[in-house]
Amino acid sequence: MAITNINPDIELVVHAQHANASDPDAAANWLPAPGGNFRFPPRASGPHWSLVAGVDAVPQVVSVGE
């Protein structure tokens, strides 16, 4: 999967929502999700000990509404 939209603030915006994203920019980074509440677990490939040790933080997931 290619990430196509990274905004100028060096933020990666992924739209994880139940319905298809209607905006073409949002649709480029849309991930289907179940309806209602769901967990969004972070995943790192490889031995990222800085995450385990708490040196680096996992980016915060922000809900922007429904």
C-alpha atoms as a PDB file:
ATOM      1  CA  MET A   1       0.000   0.000   0.000  1.00  0.00           C
ATOM      2  CA  ALA A   2       1.367   3.412  -0.921  1.00  0.00           C
ATOM      3  CA  ILE A   3       0.747   6.415   1.282  1.00  0.00           C
ATOM      4  CA  THR A   4      -0.151   9.211  -1.076  1.00  0.00           C
ATOM      5  CA  ASN A   5      -1.085  12.158   1.135  1.00  0.00           C
ATOM      6  CA  ILE A   6       1.310  13.566   3.722  1.00  0.00           C
ATOM      7  CA  ASN A   7       0.425  17.113   4.686  1.00  0.00           C
ATOM      8  CA  PRO A   8       3.007  19.942   4.891  1.00  0.00           C
ATOM      9  CA  ASP A   9       3.227  19.665   8.708  1.00  0.00           C
ATOM     10  CA  ILE A  10       4.818  16.206   8.221  1.00  0.00           C
ATOM     11  CA  GLU A  11       1.696  14.556   9.537  1.00  0.00           C
ATOM     12  CA  LEU A  12       0.448  11.297   8.156  1.00  0.00           C
ATOM     13  CA  VAL A  13      -3.330  11.424   7.943  1.00  0.00           C
ATOM     14  CA  VAL A  14      -5.068   8.071   7.571  1.00  0.00           C
ATOM     15  CA  HIS A  15      -8.859   8.016   7.401  1.00  0.00           C
ATOM     16  CA  ALA A  16      -9.985   4.884   9.265  1.00  0.00           C
ATOM     17  CA  GLN A  17     -13.759   4.919   9.034  1.00  0.00           C
ATOM     18  CA  HIS A  18     -16.653   2.660   8.218  1.00  0.00           C
ATOM     19  CA  ALA A  19     -17.989   4.540   5.188  1.00  0.00           C
ATOM     20  CA  ASN A  20     -15.997   5.221   2.048  1.00  0.00           C
ATOM     21  CA  ALA A  21     -14.320   8.611   2.125  1.00  0.00           C
ATOM     22  CA  SER A  22     -16.125  10.903  -0.310  1.00  0.00           C
ATOM     23  CA  ASP A  23     -13.307  13.441  -0.625  1.00  0.00           C
ATOM     24  CA  PRO A  24     -10.708  12.234  -3.184  1.00  0.00           C
ATOM     25  CA  ASP A  25      -7.783  13.308  -0.958  1.00  0.00           C
ATOM     26  CA  ALA A  26      -9.253  11.439   2.023  1.00  0.00           C
ATOM     27  CA  ALA A  27     -10.052   8.411  -0.147  1.00  0.00           C
ATOM     28  CA  ALA A  28      -6.367   8.084  -1.058  1.00  0.00           C
ATOM     29  CA  ASN A  29      -5.549   7.227   2.575  1.00  0.00           C
ATOM     30  CA  TRP A  30      -8.812   5.545   3.590  1.00  0.00           C
ATOM     31  CA  LEU A  31      -8.764   2.352   5.644  1.00  0.00           C
ATOM     32  CA  PRO A  32     -12.043   0.482   6.118  1.00  0.00           C
ATOM     33  CA  ALA A  33     -13.037   0.076   9.759  1.00  0.00           C
ATOM     34  CA  PRO A  34     -15.976  -1.592  11.509  1.00  0.00           C
ATOM     35  CA  GLY A  35     -18.976   0.545  12.379  1.00  0.00           C
ATOM     36  CA  GLY A  36     -19.078   1.985  15.897  1.00  0.00           C
ATOM     37  CA  ASN A  37     -16.123   2.002  18.261  1.00  0.00           C
ATOM     38  CA  PHE A  38     -12.988   0.024  17.462  1.00  0.00           C
ATOM     39  CA  ARG A  39      -9.402  -0.278  18.663  1.00  0.00           C
ATOM     40  CA  PHE A  40      -6.561   1.031  16.539  1.00  0.00           C
ATOM     41  CA  PRO A  41      -3.470  -0.897  17.691  1.00  0.00           C
ATOM     42  CA  PRO A  42      -0.060   0.426  16.658  1.00  0.00           C
ATOM     43  CA  ARG A  43       2.288  -1.934  14.870  1.00  0.00           C
ATOM     44  CA  ALA A  44       6.015  -1.628  14.293  1.00  0.00           C
ATOM     45  CA  SER A  45       8.117  -3.904  12.119  1.00  0.00           C
ATOM     46  CA  GLY A  46      11.433  -4.842  13.615  1.00  0.00           C
ATOM     47  CA  PRO A  47      13.008  -4.467  17.043  1.00  0.00           C
ATOM     48  CA  HIS A  48      12.119  -0.872  17.875  1.00  0.00           C
ATOM     49  CA  TRP A  49      13.459  -0.842  21.423  1.00  0.00           C
ATOM     50  CA  SER A  50      12.978   2.907  21.660  1.00  0.00           C
ATOM     51  CA  LEU A  51       9.215   2.275  21.586  1.00  0.00           C
ATOM     52  CA  VAL A  52       9.448  -0.456  24.230  1.00  0.00           C
ATOM     53  CA  ALA A  53      11.674   1.680  26.475  1.00  0.00           C
ATOM     54  CA  GLY A  54       9.374   4.696  26.085  1.00  0.00           C
ATOM     55  CA  VAL A  55      12.047   6.868  24.459  1.00  0.00           C
ATOM     56  CA  ASP A  56       9.893   7.351  21.371  1.00  0.00           C
ATOM     57  CA  ALA A  57       6.142   7.690  21.605  1.00  0.00           C
ATOM     58  CA  VAL A  58       3.588   6.052  19.371  1.00  0.00           C
ATOM     59  CA  PRO A  59       1.735   8.780  17.432  1.00  0.00           C
ATOM     60  CA  GLN A  60      -1.613   9.689  18.911  1.00  0.00           C
ATOM     61  CA  VAL A  61      -4.778   8.617  17.124  1.00  0.00           C
ATOM     62  CA  VAL A  62      -7.194  11.540  16.962  1.00  0.00           C
ATOM     63  CA  SER A  63     -10.906  11.181  16.338  1.00  0.00           C
ATOM     64  CA  VAL A  64     -12.318  13.962  14.195  1.00  0.00           C
ATOM     65  CA  GLY A  65     -15.976  13.027  14.573  1.00  0.00           C
ATOM     66  CA  GLU A  66     -18.321  10.816  12.682  1.00  0.00           C
END
